[in-house]
Amino acid sequence: MIAVVGVCVAGKTTLVKRLRELGFEAYNVAQEHSGIKKLWKRREPDILVMLDATLPAIRKRRDVPWGEERLALQRERLMDARQHADLFIQTDLLSKEDVAQTVLDYIRRDFHYGQDNRRGSEEGS
């Protein structure tokens, strides 16, 4: 199971969608909105991915009404997740395909995420 955390508009939802399309169990943890420091740990993920983006990159992607202060608060709430992340990705200069490929490369190279961790594998899919 792959948990994805990160600041708002860093690409979490897009990454989770792509990983699910590829057959991985992946979910978005809304850690940036929670004061519970270990929220990411509740479902005991095999891999924890953290995505980050700067405010200029966020504003290119979406018109957000908040600024650096809120972004700093999100990063503070994500500090425990960042310290425990298996993979940290700064998404500013990456396409959504690049972000997904970075995770896939990590899985194949460093984590050896096997077929038994894909959805439906217990059914022989």
N, C-alpha and C. Protein backbone atom coordinates (compact mmCIF):
# COMPACT_ATOMS: atom_id res chain seq x y z
N MET A 1 0.84 -1.16 0.00
CA MET A 1 0.00 0.00 0.00
C MET A 1 0.90 1.24 0.00
N ILE A 2 0.53 2.21 -0.82
CA ILE A 2 1.32 3.43 -0.97
C ILE A 2 0.51 4.61 -0.45
N ALA A 3 1.03 5.31 0.53
CA ALA A 3 0.40 6.52 1.05
C ALA A 3 1.11 7.72 0.44
N VAL A 4 0.31 8.70 0.03
CA VAL A 4 0.85 9.92 -0.57
C VAL A 4 0.42 11.11 0.29
N VAL A 5 1.40 11.87 0.74
CA VAL A 5 1.15 13.09 1.52
C VAL A 5 1.82 14.26 0.80
N GLY A 6 1.42 15.46 1.19
CA GLY A 6 2.07 16.62 0.60
C GLY A 6 1.25 17.87 0.78
N VAL A 7 1.83 18.98 0.41
CA VAL A 7 1.13 20.26 0.50
C VAL A 7 0.02 20.29 -0.54
N CYS A 8 -0.95 21.16 -0.31
CA CYS A 8 -2.05 21.32 -1.26
C CYS A 8 -1.51 21.66 -2.65
N VAL A 9 -2.08 21.08 -3.65
CA VAL A 9 -1.79 21.34 -5.06
C VAL A 9 -0.38 20.86 -5.47
N ALA A 10 0.18 19.94 -4.72
CA ALA A 10 1.49 19.39 -5.09
C ALA A 10 1.35 18.24 -6.09
N GLY A 11 0.13 17.68 -6.21
CA GLY A 11 -0.09 16.60 -7.17
C GLY A 11 -0.49 15.27 -6.55
N LYS A 12 -0.93 15.29 -5.29
CA LYS A 12 -1.27 14.05 -4.59
C LYS A 12 -2.40 13.28 -5.27
N THR A 13 -3.50 13.94 -5.55
CA THR A 13 -4.66 13.28 -6.14
C THR A 13 -4.32 12.71 -7.50
N THR A 14 -3.60 13.45 -8.30
CA THR A 14 -3.19 12.99 -9.63
C THR A 14 -2.29 11.78 -9.53
N LEU A 15 -1.34 11.80 -8.61
CA LEU A 15 -0.43 10.67 -8.44
C LEU A 15 -1.19 9.43 -7.98
N VAL A 16 -2.05 9.57 -6.99
CA VAL A 16 -2.81 8.43 -6.49
C VAL A 16 -3.66 7.83 -7.61
N LYS A 17 -4.31 8.68 -8.38
CA LYS A 17 -5.13 8.19 -9.50
C LYS A 17 -4.28 7.37 -10.47
N ARG A 18 -3.12 7.87 -10.81
CA ARG A 18 -2.24 7.16 -11.77
C ARG A 18 -1.75 5.83 -11.20
N LEU A 19 -1.35 5.83 -9.94
CA LEU A 19 -0.89 4.59 -9.32
C LEU A 19 -2.01 3.55 -9.28
N ARG A 20 -3.23 3.98 -8.99
CA ARG A 20 -4.37 3.06 -8.99
C ARG A 20 -4.64 2.52 -10.39
N GLU A 21 -4.51 3.38 -11.40
CA GLU A 21 -4.69 2.93 -12.78
C GLU A 21 -3.69 1.83 -13.13
N LEU A 22 -2.52 1.90 -12.52
CA LEU A 22 -1.47 0.91 -12.77
C LEU A 22 -1.60 -0.32 -11.87
N GLY A 23 -2.64 -0.35 -11.05
CA GLY A 23 -2.91 -1.51 -10.23
C GLY A 23 -2.37 -1.49 -8.82
N PHE A 24 -1.81 -0.38 -8.40
CA PHE A 24 -1.27 -0.28 -7.04
C PHE A 24 -2.34 0.21 -6.07
N GLU A 25 -2.28 -0.27 -4.85
CA GLU A 25 -3.12 0.27 -3.79
C GLU A 25 -2.46 1.55 -3.32
N ALA A 26 -3.12 2.66 -3.56
CA ALA A 26 -2.56 3.96 -3.19
C ALA A 26 -3.67 4.84 -2.65
N TYR A 27 -3.32 5.70 -1.72
CA TYR A 27 -4.31 6.61 -1.16
C TYR A 27 -3.66 7.91 -0.74
N ASN A 28 -4.49 8.95 -0.72
CA ASN A 28 -4.08 10.30 -0.37
C ASN A 28 -4.35 10.51 1.11
N VAL A 29 -3.37 10.97 1.85
CA VAL A 29 -3.54 11.29 3.27
C VAL A 29 -3.61 12.81 3.38
N ALA A 30 -4.72 13.31 3.91
CA ALA A 30 -4.91 14.76 4.03
C ALA A 30 -4.17 15.30 5.26
N GLN A 31 -2.94 14.91 5.39
CA GLN A 31 -2.11 15.29 6.54
C GLN A 31 -1.92 16.81 6.65
N GLU A 32 -1.88 17.49 5.53
CA GLU A 32 -1.62 18.93 5.56
C GLU A 32 -2.74 19.71 6.24
N HIS A 33 -3.91 19.06 6.42
CA HIS A 33 -5.06 19.72 7.06
C HIS A 33 -5.24 19.26 8.50
N SER A 34 -4.40 18.36 8.97
CA SER A 34 -4.60 17.74 10.28
C SER A 34 -3.48 18.08 11.25
N GLY A 35 -3.86 18.29 12.51
CA GLY A 35 -2.88 18.48 13.56
C GLY A 35 -2.35 17.16 14.11
N ILE A 36 -2.90 16.05 13.62
CA ILE A 36 -2.45 14.73 14.07
C ILE A 36 -1.18 14.39 13.31
N LYS A 37 -0.06 14.45 13.99
CA LYS A 37 1.24 14.34 13.33
C LYS A 37 1.47 13.00 12.64
N LYS A 38 0.90 11.94 13.15
CA LYS A 38 1.14 10.62 12.58
C LYS A 38 -0.08 10.08 11.84
N LEU A 39 -0.93 10.96 11.34
CA LEU A 39 -2.11 10.54 10.59
C LEU A 39 -1.72 9.62 9.44
N TRP A 40 -0.62 9.90 8.79
CA TRP A 40 -0.14 9.11 7.66
C TRP A 40 0.11 7.65 8.04
N LYS A 41 0.35 7.40 9.31
CA LYS A 41 0.76 6.06 9.78
C LYS A 41 -0.42 5.14 10.08
N ARG A 42 -1.61 5.67 10.16
CA ARG A 42 -2.78 4.90 10.60
C ARG A 42 -3.02 3.62 9.80
N ARG A 43 -2.85 3.67 8.50
CA ARG A 43 -3.11 2.50 7.66
C ARG A 43 -1.85 1.69 7.38
N GLU A 44 -0.78 2.03 8.06
CA GLU A 44 0.49 1.30 7.96
C GLU A 44 0.92 1.05 6.51
N PRO A 45 1.21 2.12 5.77
CA PRO A 45 1.60 1.96 4.37
C PRO A 45 2.95 1.27 4.22
N ASP A 46 3.11 0.58 3.10
CA ASP A 46 4.40 -0.03 2.77
C ASP A 46 5.39 1.04 2.31
N ILE A 47 4.85 2.05 1.62
CA ILE A 47 5.66 3.14 1.09
C ILE A 47 4.97 4.46 1.41
N LEU A 48 5.73 5.42 1.89
CA LEU A 48 5.21 6.76 2.14
C LEU A 48 5.92 7.72 1.18
N VAL A 49 5.13 8.37 0.33
CA VAL A 49 5.65 9.33 -0.63
C VAL A 49 5.19 10.71 -0.20
N MET A 50 6.11 11.66 -0.18
CA MET A 50 5.74 13.05 0.12
C MET A 50 6.03 13.92 -1.09
N LEU A 51 5.02 14.72 -1.44
CA LEU A 51 5.15 15.67 -2.54
C LEU A 51 5.18 17.08 -1.98
N ASP A 52 6.01 17.92 -2.57
CA ASP A 52 6.10 19.31 -2.14
C ASP A 52 6.13 20.19 -3.38
N ALA A 53 5.74 21.44 -3.20
CA ALA A 53 5.78 22.43 -4.28
C ALA A 53 5.92 23.81 -3.65
N THR A 54 6.52 24.71 -4.40
CA THR A 54 6.64 26.09 -3.93
C THR A 54 5.36 26.84 -4.28
N LEU A 55 5.15 27.97 -3.63
CA LEU A 55 3.95 28.76 -3.89
C LEU A 55 3.85 29.21 -5.35
N PRO A 56 4.93 29.67 -5.99
CA PRO A 56 4.81 30.04 -7.41
C PRO A 56 4.34 28.86 -8.29
N ALA A 57 4.84 27.67 -8.03
CA ALA A 57 4.41 26.50 -8.81
C ALA A 57 2.95 26.16 -8.52
N ILE A 58 2.57 26.25 -7.26
CA ILE A 58 1.18 25.99 -6.88
C ILE A 58 0.25 26.96 -7.60
N ARG A 59 0.63 28.23 -7.63
CA ARG A 59 -0.23 29.25 -8.26
C ARG A 59 -0.28 29.11 -9.78
N LYS A 60 0.71 28.48 -10.38
CA LYS A 60 0.63 28.20 -11.82
C LYS A 60 -0.39 27.10 -12.09
N ARG A 61 -0.55 26.20 -11.14
CA ARG A 61 -1.46 25.07 -11.30
C ARG A 61 -2.90 25.43 -10.95
N ARG A 62 -3.06 26.28 -9.94
CA ARG A 62 -4.40 26.59 -9.45
C ARG A 62 -4.39 27.96 -8.80
N ASP A 63 -5.50 28.65 -8.91
CA ASP A 63 -5.65 29.96 -8.27
C ASP A 63 -6.01 29.74 -6.80
N VAL A 64 -5.02 29.81 -5.93
CA VAL A 64 -5.27 29.60 -4.50
C VAL A 64 -5.29 30.95 -3.79
N PRO A 65 -6.19 31.11 -2.80
CA PRO A 65 -6.30 32.39 -2.10
C PRO A 65 -5.33 32.55 -0.94
N TRP A 66 -4.47 31.59 -0.71
CA TRP A 66 -3.58 31.62 0.43
C TRP A 66 -2.14 31.85 -0.01
N GLY A 67 -1.31 32.17 0.99
CA GLY A 67 0.08 32.51 0.69
C GLY A 67 1.09 31.66 1.44
N GLU A 68 2.28 32.22 1.59
CA GLU A 68 3.41 31.51 2.19
C GLU A 68 3.13 31.07 3.63
N GLU A 69 2.36 31.87 4.37
CA GLU A 69 2.08 31.52 5.77
C GLU A 69 1.32 30.20 5.86
N ARG A 70 0.31 30.04 5.03
CA ARG A 70 -0.45 28.78 5.04
C ARG A 70 0.39 27.62 4.53
N LEU A 71 1.21 27.89 3.53
CA LEU A 71 2.10 26.84 3.01
C LEU A 71 3.07 26.39 4.10
N ALA A 72 3.59 27.34 4.86
CA ALA A 72 4.49 27.00 5.97
C ALA A 72 3.77 26.17 7.03
N LEU A 73 2.51 26.49 7.31
CA LEU A 73 1.73 25.72 8.27
C LEU A 73 1.53 24.28 7.77
N GLN A 74 1.24 24.14 6.48
CA GLN A 74 1.08 22.80 5.91
C GLN A 74 2.38 22.00 6.05
N ARG A 75 3.49 22.63 5.73
CA ARG A 75 4.78 21.94 5.84
C ARG A 75 5.08 21.55 7.29
N GLU A 76 4.69 22.42 8.22
CA GLU A 76 4.90 22.09 9.64
C GLU A 76 4.08 20.86 10.02
N ARG A 77 2.84 20.80 9.56
CA ARG A 77 1.98 19.65 9.84
C ARG A 77 2.49 18.38 9.18
N LEU A 78 3.25 18.54 8.12
CA LEU A 78 3.78 17.40 7.37
C LEU A 78 5.18 16.99 7.82
N MET A 79 5.75 17.67 8.80
CA MET A 79 7.14 17.43 9.19
C MET A 79 7.40 15.97 9.57
N ASP A 80 6.52 15.37 10.37
CA ASP A 80 6.73 13.98 10.77
C ASP A 80 6.68 13.06 9.55
N ALA A 81 5.73 13.30 8.67
CA ALA A 81 5.64 12.49 7.45
C ALA A 81 6.89 12.67 6.59
N ARG A 82 7.37 13.89 6.49
CA ARG A 82 8.58 14.11 5.69
C ARG A 82 9.78 13.36 6.28
N GLN A 83 9.90 13.39 7.57
CA GLN A 83 11.02 12.70 8.23
C GLN A 83 10.96 11.19 8.03
N HIS A 84 9.76 10.65 7.83
CA HIS A 84 9.59 9.21 7.66
C HIS A 84 9.33 8.80 6.21
N ALA A 85 9.28 9.76 5.31
CA ALA A 85 8.97 9.44 3.90
C ALA A 85 10.06 8.57 3.28
N ASP A 86 9.61 7.59 2.52
CA ASP A 86 10.53 6.76 1.76
C ASP A 86 11.04 7.52 0.54
N LEU A 87 10.18 8.40 0.05
CA LEU A 87 10.50 9.14 -1.17
C LEU A 87 9.94 10.55 -1.05
N PHE A 88 10.78 11.55 -1.26
CA PHE A 88 10.38 12.96 -1.25
C PHE A 88 10.55 13.50 -2.66
N ILE A 89 9.50 14.12 -3.19
CA ILE A 89 9.56 14.64 -4.56
C ILE A 89 9.15 16.10 -4.57
N GLN A 90 10.04 16.94 -5.04
CA GLN A 90 9.73 18.36 -5.29
C GLN A 90 9.13 18.41 -6.68
N THR A 91 7.85 18.77 -6.78
CA THR A 91 7.13 18.63 -8.05
C THR A 91 7.14 19.86 -8.94
N ASP A 92 7.76 20.94 -8.50
CA ASP A 92 7.71 22.21 -9.25
C ASP A 92 7.99 22.07 -10.74
N LEU A 93 9.06 21.40 -11.08
CA LEU A 93 9.50 21.34 -12.48
C LEU A 93 9.15 20.02 -13.15
N LEU A 94 8.32 19.21 -12.50
CA LEU A 94 7.99 17.90 -13.04
C LEU A 94 6.56 17.87 -13.58
N SER A 95 6.38 17.13 -14.65
CA SER A 95 5.03 16.88 -15.15
C SER A 95 4.40 15.80 -14.29
N LYS A 96 3.09 15.62 -14.40
CA LYS A 96 2.44 14.56 -13.63
C LYS A 96 2.98 13.19 -14.02
N GLU A 97 3.35 13.04 -15.29
CA GLU A 97 3.94 11.78 -15.74
C GLU A 97 5.31 11.56 -15.10
N ASP A 98 6.09 12.64 -14.98
CA ASP A 98 7.42 12.55 -14.35
C ASP A 98 7.31 12.15 -12.88
N VAL A 99 6.33 12.72 -12.19
CA VAL A 99 6.13 12.39 -10.77
C VAL A 99 5.79 10.91 -10.62
N ALA A 100 4.84 10.44 -11.42
CA ALA A 100 4.46 9.03 -11.36
C ALA A 100 5.65 8.13 -11.71
N GLN A 101 6.42 8.51 -12.71
CA GLN A 101 7.56 7.70 -13.11
C GLN A 101 8.62 7.65 -12.01
N THR A 102 8.80 8.75 -11.30
CA THR A 102 9.75 8.77 -10.18
C THR A 102 9.35 7.76 -9.11
N VAL A 103 8.06 7.69 -8.82
CA VAL A 103 7.57 6.72 -7.84
C VAL A 103 7.75 5.30 -8.36
N LEU A 104 7.39 5.08 -9.61
CA LEU A 104 7.54 3.74 -10.20
C LEU A 104 8.99 3.30 -10.21
N ASP A 105 9.89 4.21 -10.54
CA ASP A 105 11.32 3.88 -10.53
C ASP A 105 11.78 3.50 -9.12
N TYR A 106 11.30 4.23 -8.13
CA TYR A 106 11.65 3.91 -6.74
C TYR A 106 11.14 2.52 -6.37
N ILE A 107 9.90 2.25 -6.72
CA ILE A 107 9.30 0.95 -6.40
C ILE A 107 10.12 -0.17 -7.02
N ARG A 108 10.46 -0.03 -8.26
CA ARG A 108 11.20 -1.08 -8.97
C ARG A 108 12.63 -1.21 -8.48
N ARG A 109 13.28 -0.10 -8.25
CA ARG A 109 14.71 -0.10 -7.92
C ARG A 109 14.99 -0.31 -6.44
N ASP A 110 14.30 0.44 -5.60
CA ASP A 110 14.67 0.48 -4.19
C ASP A 110 13.76 -0.31 -3.26
N PHE A 111 12.52 -0.47 -3.63
CA PHE A 111 11.59 -1.09 -2.69
C PHE A 111 11.26 -2.52 -3.06
N HIS A 112 11.41 -2.87 -4.31
CA HIS A 112 11.07 -4.22 -4.78
C HIS A 112 9.62 -4.55 -4.45
N TYR A 113 8.75 -3.63 -4.78
CA TYR A 113 7.31 -3.78 -4.53
C TYR A 113 6.80 -4.87 -5.44
N GLY A 114 6.42 -5.99 -4.90
CA GLY A 114 6.08 -7.16 -5.70
C GLY A 114 4.65 -7.21 -6.16
N GLN A 115 4.37 -8.18 -7.00
CA GLN A 115 3.03 -8.39 -7.52
C GLN A 115 2.02 -8.64 -6.40
N ASP A 116 2.47 -9.21 -5.29
CA ASP A 116 1.56 -9.50 -4.19
C ASP A 116 1.01 -8.24 -3.54
N ASN A 117 1.59 -7.09 -3.83
CA ASN A 117 1.11 -5.83 -3.27
C ASN A 117 0.20 -5.06 -4.21
N ARG A 118 -0.09 -5.63 -5.36
CA ARG A 118 -1.01 -4.97 -6.28
C ARG A 118 -2.43 -5.43 -5.97
N ARG A 119 -3.39 -4.56 -6.24
CA ARG A 119 -4.79 -4.91 -6.01
C ARG A 119 -5.16 -6.09 -6.89
N GLY A 120 -5.94 -6.98 -6.33
CA GLY A 120 -6.44 -8.10 -7.11
C GLY A 120 -5.47 -9.25 -7.25
N SER A 121 -4.25 -9.13 -6.75
CA SER A 121 -3.26 -10.18 -6.94
C SER A 121 -3.66 -11.45 -6.20
N GLU A 122 -4.41 -11.28 -5.09
CA GLU A 122 -4.82 -12.46 -4.35
C GLU A 122 -5.86 -13.26 -5.12
N GLU A 123 -6.44 -12.64 -6.14
CA GLU A 123 -7.42 -13.32 -6.97
C GLU A 123 -6.79 -13.89 -8.22
N GLY A 124 -5.48 -13.76 -8.33
CA GLY A 124 -4.79 -14.27 -9.50
C GLY A 124 -4.80 -13.31 -10.67
N SER A 125 -5.13 -12.04 -10.41
CA SER A 125 -5.16 -11.04 -11.48
C SER A 125 -3.77 -10.70 -11.94
